[in-house]
């Protein structure tokens, strides 16, 4: 039996996908494109080992964080890490890698969780107010 679910945009098209439909590939596209825009350099995964091993490690870190925190919190965490990133060696470390974020900026997960919870409460209040307004309109 076929379902009539709408076809999702490609995984790498993070701007066209709803955040609930993001996967690791979508997060990597978001990170690489935004790193290019914010820092003016091509993204490369951090840490030691071969490039293939570093990409694999970052994919695993993203997948674990996605499973533990969810997509909205993970995206907020990455954005907070970019905002808070400081370096004394910008020529060597112009941007934070996922490896760096998870290893050294993990304290920002708490802030990301709180931020997403606040946004969810605001959305719920707005939806409740809209529903109450519709009910009042129907009553009159």
N, C-alpha and C. Protein backbone atom coordinates (compact mmCIF):
# COMPACT_ATOMS: atom_id res chain seq x y z
N UNK A 1 0.84 -1.18 0.00
CA UNK A 1 0.00 0.00 0.00
C UNK A 1 0.89 1.24 0.00
N UNK A 2 0.71 2.09 -0.96
CA UNK A 2 1.53 3.29 -1.10
C UNK A 2 0.97 4.41 -0.23
N UNK A 3 1.89 5.14 0.37
CA UNK A 3 1.48 6.32 1.13
C UNK A 3 1.69 7.54 0.26
N UNK A 4 0.90 8.54 0.49
CA UNK A 4 0.99 9.77 -0.29
C UNK A 4 1.74 10.85 0.47
N UNK A 5 2.86 10.47 1.10
CA UNK A 5 3.67 11.44 1.80
C UNK A 5 4.39 12.31 0.78
N UNK A 6 4.45 13.61 1.01
CA UNK A 6 5.18 14.46 0.08
C UNK A 6 6.67 14.12 0.11
N UNK A 7 7.30 14.22 -1.03
CA UNK A 7 8.72 13.92 -1.14
C UNK A 7 9.52 15.05 -0.49
N UNK A 8 10.49 14.64 0.32
CA UNK A 8 11.34 15.62 1.00
C UNK A 8 12.38 16.18 0.03
N UNK A 9 12.79 17.42 0.25
CA UNK A 9 13.92 17.95 -0.51
C UNK A 9 15.17 17.10 -0.22
N UNK A 10 16.21 17.21 -1.03
CA UNK A 10 17.43 16.45 -0.76
C UNK A 10 17.96 16.72 0.65
N UNK A 11 18.62 15.74 1.23
CA UNK A 11 19.12 15.86 2.60
C UNK A 11 20.08 17.04 2.75
N UNK A 12 20.82 17.35 1.70
CA UNK A 12 21.78 18.45 1.79
C UNK A 12 21.13 19.83 1.67
N UNK A 13 19.86 19.89 1.35
CA UNK A 13 19.16 21.17 1.20
C UNK A 13 18.53 21.57 2.53
N UNK A 14 19.37 22.00 3.46
CA UNK A 14 18.92 22.28 4.82
C UNK A 14 17.94 23.45 4.87
N UNK A 15 18.02 24.37 3.95
CA UNK A 15 17.11 25.52 3.97
C UNK A 15 15.71 25.15 3.54
N UNK A 16 15.57 24.12 2.72
CA UNK A 16 14.25 23.71 2.22
C UNK A 16 13.58 22.68 3.12
N UNK A 17 14.35 22.03 3.95
CA UNK A 17 13.80 21.00 4.83
C UNK A 17 13.35 21.58 6.16
N UNK A 18 12.25 21.04 6.67
CA UNK A 18 11.81 21.38 8.02
C UNK A 18 12.83 20.80 9.00
N UNK A 19 13.09 21.49 10.09
CA UNK A 19 14.09 21.05 11.06
C UNK A 19 13.79 19.65 11.58
N UNK A 20 12.54 19.27 11.63
CA UNK A 20 12.19 17.93 12.12
C UNK A 20 12.64 16.84 11.15
N UNK A 21 12.90 17.20 9.90
CA UNK A 21 13.31 16.23 8.89
C UNK A 21 14.82 16.21 8.65
N UNK A 22 15.57 16.97 9.44
CA UNK A 22 17.02 16.99 9.26
C UNK A 22 17.63 15.67 9.69
N UNK A 23 18.68 15.27 8.98
CA UNK A 23 19.47 14.12 9.38
C UNK A 23 20.93 14.56 9.45
N UNK A 24 21.85 13.65 9.66
CA UNK A 24 23.26 14.00 9.80
C UNK A 24 23.77 14.71 8.55
N UNK A 25 23.38 14.24 7.38
CA UNK A 25 23.80 14.87 6.13
C UNK A 25 23.31 16.32 6.06
N UNK A 26 22.10 16.56 6.53
CA UNK A 26 21.55 17.92 6.52
C UNK A 26 22.35 18.81 7.47
N UNK A 27 22.66 18.29 8.66
CA UNK A 27 23.46 19.08 9.60
C UNK A 27 24.84 19.39 9.02
N UNK A 28 25.46 18.42 8.36
CA UNK A 28 26.77 18.68 7.77
C UNK A 28 26.69 19.73 6.67
N UNK A 29 25.63 19.70 5.87
CA UNK A 29 25.45 20.73 4.83
C UNK A 29 25.27 22.10 5.48
N UNK A 30 24.47 22.17 6.54
CA UNK A 30 24.25 23.40 7.29
C UNK A 30 25.58 23.94 7.83
N UNK A 31 26.36 23.05 8.43
CA UNK A 31 27.64 23.45 9.03
C UNK A 31 28.63 23.91 7.96
N UNK A 32 28.76 23.16 6.87
CA UNK A 32 29.74 23.54 5.85
C UNK A 32 29.36 24.84 5.15
N UNK A 33 28.09 25.01 4.81
CA UNK A 33 27.66 26.25 4.15
C UNK A 33 27.77 27.46 5.07
N UNK A 34 27.36 27.29 6.31
CA UNK A 34 27.40 28.42 7.25
C UNK A 34 28.83 28.77 7.62
N UNK A 35 29.71 27.77 7.74
CA UNK A 35 31.12 28.05 8.02
C UNK A 35 31.73 28.88 6.89
N UNK A 36 31.39 28.51 5.66
CA UNK A 36 31.88 29.27 4.50
C UNK A 36 31.39 30.72 4.58
N UNK A 37 30.11 30.91 4.91
CA UNK A 37 29.55 32.25 4.99
C UNK A 37 30.11 33.06 6.16
N UNK A 38 30.16 32.45 7.36
CA UNK A 38 30.57 33.17 8.56
C UNK A 38 32.08 33.43 8.65
N UNK A 39 32.85 32.43 8.24
CA UNK A 39 34.29 32.49 8.46
C UNK A 39 35.10 32.62 7.18
N UNK A 40 34.46 32.47 6.02
CA UNK A 40 35.14 32.65 4.76
C UNK A 40 36.12 31.54 4.39
N UNK A 41 35.94 30.36 4.96
CA UNK A 41 36.81 29.22 4.66
C UNK A 41 35.96 27.97 4.48
N UNK A 42 36.56 26.96 3.84
CA UNK A 42 35.88 25.68 3.67
C UNK A 42 35.97 24.90 4.98
N UNK A 43 34.90 24.25 5.33
CA UNK A 43 34.86 23.45 6.56
C UNK A 43 35.62 22.15 6.36
N UNK A 44 36.37 21.78 7.38
CA UNK A 44 37.05 20.49 7.42
C UNK A 44 36.92 19.99 8.86
N UNK A 45 36.65 18.71 9.06
CA UNK A 45 36.47 18.20 10.42
C UNK A 45 37.75 18.28 11.22
N UNK A 46 37.60 18.45 12.52
CA UNK A 46 38.75 18.57 13.41
C UNK A 46 39.19 17.24 13.97
N UNK A 47 40.24 17.29 14.78
CA UNK A 47 40.75 16.08 15.41
C UNK A 47 41.87 15.45 14.62
N UNK A 48 42.29 14.30 15.10
CA UNK A 48 43.40 13.60 14.46
C UNK A 48 42.92 12.47 13.58
N UNK A 49 43.86 11.89 12.85
CA UNK A 49 43.54 10.77 11.98
C UNK A 49 43.32 11.21 10.56
N UNK A 50 42.98 10.24 9.73
CA UNK A 50 42.74 10.54 8.32
C UNK A 50 41.48 11.39 8.17
N UNK A 51 41.38 12.04 7.04
CA UNK A 51 40.20 12.88 6.79
C UNK A 51 38.92 12.05 6.84
N UNK A 52 38.97 10.86 6.28
CA UNK A 52 37.81 9.97 6.29
C UNK A 52 37.42 9.61 7.73
N UNK A 53 38.40 9.34 8.57
CA UNK A 53 38.11 9.00 9.97
C UNK A 53 37.53 10.21 10.71
N UNK A 54 38.07 11.40 10.41
CA UNK A 54 37.55 12.61 11.07
C UNK A 54 36.11 12.89 10.66
N UNK A 55 35.78 12.72 9.36
CA UNK A 55 34.39 12.90 8.91
C UNK A 55 33.48 11.88 9.59
N UNK A 56 33.95 10.65 9.67
CA UNK A 56 33.17 9.60 10.32
C UNK A 56 32.92 9.89 11.79
N UNK A 57 33.94 10.38 12.48
CA UNK A 57 33.81 10.73 13.89
C UNK A 57 32.79 11.87 14.07
N UNK A 58 32.87 12.87 13.21
CA UNK A 58 31.92 13.99 13.32
C UNK A 58 30.50 13.54 13.01
N UNK A 59 30.34 12.66 12.04
CA UNK A 59 29.01 12.12 11.75
C UNK A 59 28.46 11.40 12.98
N UNK A 60 29.30 10.62 13.62
CA UNK A 60 28.88 9.90 14.82
C UNK A 60 28.51 10.85 15.95
N UNK A 61 29.30 11.90 16.13
CA UNK A 61 29.00 12.89 17.18
C UNK A 61 27.66 13.57 16.91
N UNK A 62 27.43 13.93 15.66
CA UNK A 62 26.16 14.57 15.31
C UNK A 62 24.99 13.61 15.53
N UNK A 63 25.15 12.36 15.13
CA UNK A 63 24.09 11.36 15.29
C UNK A 63 23.77 11.14 16.76
N UNK A 64 24.81 11.05 17.60
CA UNK A 64 24.59 10.87 19.04
C UNK A 64 23.87 12.07 19.65
N UNK A 65 24.31 13.27 19.30
CA UNK A 65 23.68 14.48 19.84
C UNK A 65 22.25 14.61 19.34
N UNK A 66 22.02 14.24 18.10
CA UNK A 66 20.67 14.28 17.52
C UNK A 66 19.76 13.33 18.29
N UNK A 67 20.24 12.14 18.59
CA UNK A 67 19.44 11.17 19.34
C UNK A 67 19.20 11.60 20.78
N UNK A 68 20.17 12.24 21.39
CA UNK A 68 20.06 12.63 22.80
C UNK A 68 19.24 13.90 22.98
N UNK A 69 19.44 14.90 22.12
CA UNK A 69 18.83 16.21 22.32
C UNK A 69 17.73 16.56 21.33
N UNK A 70 17.76 15.98 20.14
CA UNK A 70 16.80 16.35 19.10
C UNK A 70 17.37 17.41 18.17
N UNK A 71 16.72 17.56 17.03
CA UNK A 71 17.23 18.46 15.98
C UNK A 71 17.22 19.92 16.38
N UNK A 72 16.16 20.38 17.00
CA UNK A 72 16.08 21.81 17.35
C UNK A 72 17.18 22.20 18.33
N UNK A 73 17.39 21.37 19.34
CA UNK A 73 18.43 21.67 20.33
C UNK A 73 19.81 21.59 19.69
N UNK A 74 20.05 20.59 18.86
CA UNK A 74 21.36 20.46 18.22
C UNK A 74 21.66 21.67 17.34
N UNK A 75 20.69 22.12 16.57
CA UNK A 75 20.91 23.31 15.73
C UNK A 75 21.17 24.55 16.59
N UNK A 76 20.40 24.71 17.65
CA UNK A 76 20.61 25.85 18.56
C UNK A 76 22.00 25.76 19.20
N UNK A 77 22.41 24.56 19.59
CA UNK A 77 23.74 24.36 20.18
C UNK A 77 24.84 24.80 19.21
N UNK A 78 24.74 24.38 17.98
CA UNK A 78 25.75 24.74 16.98
C UNK A 78 25.80 26.26 16.80
N UNK A 79 24.65 26.90 16.73
CA UNK A 79 24.60 28.35 16.56
C UNK A 79 25.18 29.07 17.78
N UNK A 80 24.92 28.56 18.98
CA UNK A 80 25.50 29.15 20.19
C UNK A 80 27.02 28.98 20.19
N UNK A 81 27.48 27.81 19.79
CA UNK A 81 28.93 27.57 19.72
C UNK A 81 29.60 28.55 18.77
N UNK A 82 29.00 28.78 17.62
CA UNK A 82 29.56 29.76 16.69
C UNK A 82 29.59 31.15 17.32
N UNK A 83 28.52 31.50 17.99
CA UNK A 83 28.43 32.83 18.62
C UNK A 83 29.50 33.00 19.69
N UNK A 84 29.76 31.97 20.47
CA UNK A 84 30.66 32.06 21.61
C UNK A 84 32.11 31.71 21.30
N UNK A 85 32.40 31.25 20.10
CA UNK A 85 33.74 30.79 19.77
C UNK A 85 34.74 31.93 19.76
N UNK A 86 35.85 31.73 20.47
CA UNK A 86 36.95 32.68 20.50
C UNK A 86 38.23 31.89 20.32
N UNK A 87 39.20 32.47 19.63
CA UNK A 87 40.48 31.79 19.44
C UNK A 87 41.61 32.81 19.43
N UNK A 88 42.76 32.38 19.96
CA UNK A 88 43.97 33.21 19.89
C UNK A 88 44.75 32.93 18.63
N UNK A 89 44.35 31.88 17.90
CA UNK A 89 45.05 31.49 16.68
C UNK A 89 44.07 31.35 15.52
N UNK A 90 43.50 32.47 15.06
CA UNK A 90 42.50 32.38 14.00
C UNK A 90 43.04 31.84 12.68
N UNK A 91 44.35 31.97 12.46
CA UNK A 91 44.92 31.43 11.23
C UNK A 91 44.95 29.90 11.27
N UNK A 92 45.06 29.31 12.45
CA UNK A 92 45.05 27.85 12.59
C UNK A 92 43.65 27.30 12.83
N UNK A 93 42.86 28.02 13.62
CA UNK A 93 41.53 27.55 14.02
C UNK A 93 40.49 28.65 13.77
N UNK A 94 40.16 28.90 12.50
CA UNK A 94 39.26 30.02 12.20
C UNK A 94 37.81 29.77 12.62
N UNK A 95 37.44 28.51 12.85
CA UNK A 95 36.06 28.16 13.19
C UNK A 95 36.08 26.94 14.12
N UNK A 96 35.02 26.74 14.88
CA UNK A 96 34.96 25.53 15.70
C UNK A 96 34.43 24.35 14.88
N UNK A 97 35.10 23.23 14.98
CA UNK A 97 34.61 22.02 14.32
C UNK A 97 33.58 21.35 15.23
N UNK A 98 32.85 20.41 14.69
CA UNK A 98 31.89 19.66 15.50
C UNK A 98 32.64 18.97 16.63
N UNK A 99 33.79 18.42 16.32
CA UNK A 99 34.60 17.76 17.33
C UNK A 99 34.91 18.73 18.47
N UNK A 100 35.32 19.95 18.14
CA UNK A 100 35.63 20.96 19.15
C UNK A 100 34.37 21.34 19.94
N UNK A 101 33.27 21.53 19.22
CA UNK A 101 32.03 21.92 19.90
C UNK A 101 31.62 20.90 20.95
N UNK A 102 31.62 19.64 20.56
CA UNK A 102 31.16 18.58 21.47
C UNK A 102 32.16 18.37 22.60
N UNK A 103 33.46 18.47 22.30
CA UNK A 103 34.47 18.21 23.31
C UNK A 103 34.69 19.38 24.27
N UNK A 104 34.65 20.61 23.76
CA UNK A 104 35.04 21.75 24.58
C UNK A 104 33.94 22.78 24.81
N UNK A 105 32.88 22.72 24.04
CA UNK A 105 31.80 23.69 24.21
C UNK A 105 30.50 23.00 24.63
N UNK A 106 30.60 21.80 25.14
CA UNK A 106 29.42 21.02 25.50
C UNK A 106 28.56 21.69 26.56
N UNK A 107 29.12 22.62 27.32
CA UNK A 107 28.33 23.35 28.34
C UNK A 107 27.18 24.13 27.70
N UNK A 108 27.28 24.41 26.42
CA UNK A 108 26.23 25.17 25.73
C UNK A 108 25.00 24.33 25.39
N UNK A 109 25.08 23.02 25.57
CA UNK A 109 23.88 22.20 25.37
C UNK A 109 22.78 22.63 26.34
N UNK A 110 23.14 22.96 27.56
CA UNK A 110 22.16 23.40 28.56
C UNK A 110 21.45 24.66 28.10
N UNK A 111 22.21 25.61 27.58
CA UNK A 111 21.63 26.85 27.07
C UNK A 111 20.73 26.58 25.87
N UNK A 112 21.15 25.66 25.01
CA UNK A 112 20.34 25.32 23.82
C UNK A 112 19.03 24.66 24.23
N UNK A 113 19.07 23.77 25.21
CA UNK A 113 17.85 23.11 25.69
C UNK A 113 16.89 24.17 26.24
N UNK A 114 17.39 25.09 27.05
CA UNK A 114 16.55 26.14 27.62
C UNK A 114 15.98 27.04 26.54
N UNK A 115 16.78 27.39 25.56
CA UNK A 115 16.33 28.26 24.46
C UNK A 115 15.20 27.60 23.69
N UNK A 116 15.34 26.33 23.35
CA UNK A 116 14.32 25.62 22.59
C UNK A 116 13.05 25.47 23.43
N UNK A 117 13.20 25.23 24.72
CA UNK A 117 12.03 25.13 25.60
C UNK A 117 11.28 26.46 25.66
N UNK A 118 12.01 27.56 25.75
CA UNK A 118 11.37 28.89 25.75
C UNK A 118 10.61 29.12 24.45
N UNK A 119 11.22 28.78 23.33
CA UNK A 119 10.58 28.95 22.03
C UNK A 119 9.32 28.10 21.92
N UNK A 120 9.38 26.88 22.44
CA UNK A 120 8.21 25.99 22.40
C UNK A 120 7.07 26.55 23.24
N UNK A 121 7.40 27.11 24.41
CA UNK A 121 6.37 27.73 25.27
C UNK A 121 5.74 28.93 24.57
N UNK A 122 6.58 29.76 23.93
CA UNK A 122 6.05 30.92 23.20
C UNK A 122 5.11 30.49 22.10
N UNK A 123 5.50 29.46 21.35
CA UNK A 123 4.65 28.96 20.27
C UNK A 123 3.33 28.42 20.81
N UNK A 124 3.39 27.73 21.94
CA UNK A 124 2.17 27.18 22.54
C UNK A 124 1.25 28.29 23.02
N UNK A 125 1.81 29.31 23.66
CA UNK A 125 1.01 30.44 24.12
C UNK A 125 0.36 31.14 22.93
N UNK A 126 1.11 31.35 21.87
CA UNK A 126 0.56 32.00 20.68
C UNK A 126 -0.54 31.16 20.05
N UNK A 127 -0.35 29.85 19.99
CA UNK A 127 -1.37 28.96 19.42
C UNK A 127 -2.62 28.94 20.29
N UNK A 128 -2.42 28.91 21.62
CA UNK A 128 -3.57 28.93 22.54
C UNK A 128 -4.34 30.23 22.42
N UNK A 129 -3.64 31.34 22.30
CA UNK A 129 -4.31 32.64 22.17
C UNK A 129 -5.10 32.71 20.87
N UNK A 130 -4.53 32.16 19.81
CA UNK A 130 -5.22 32.14 18.53
C UNK A 130 -6.48 31.28 18.62
N UNK A 131 -6.36 30.14 19.26
CA UNK A 131 -7.51 29.24 19.41
C UNK A 131 -8.59 29.89 20.27
N UNK A 132 -8.18 30.56 21.36
CA UNK A 132 -9.15 31.24 22.22
C UNK A 132 -9.88 32.34 21.46
N UNK A 133 -9.15 33.06 20.61
CA UNK A 133 -9.76 34.11 19.81
C UNK A 133 -10.79 33.56 18.84
N UNK A 134 -10.48 32.41 18.24
CA UNK A 134 -11.42 31.77 17.32
C UNK A 134 -12.68 31.30 18.06
N UNK A 135 -12.49 30.76 19.27
CA UNK A 135 -13.62 30.31 20.06
C UNK A 135 -14.52 31.48 20.46
N UNK A 136 -13.91 32.59 20.83
CA UNK A 136 -14.70 33.76 21.18
C UNK A 136 -15.47 34.30 19.97
N UNK A 137 -14.80 34.30 18.82
CA UNK A 137 -15.47 34.77 17.60
C UNK A 137 -16.66 33.88 17.27
N UNK A 138 -16.49 32.57 17.46
CA UNK A 138 -17.60 31.65 17.20
C UNK A 138 -18.74 31.88 18.19
N UNK A 139 -18.40 32.19 19.43
CA UNK A 139 -19.40 32.38 20.47
C UNK A 139 -20.26 33.61 20.18
N UNK A 140 -19.61 34.68 19.69
CA UNK A 140 -20.35 35.91 19.38
C UNK A 140 -21.00 35.76 18.06
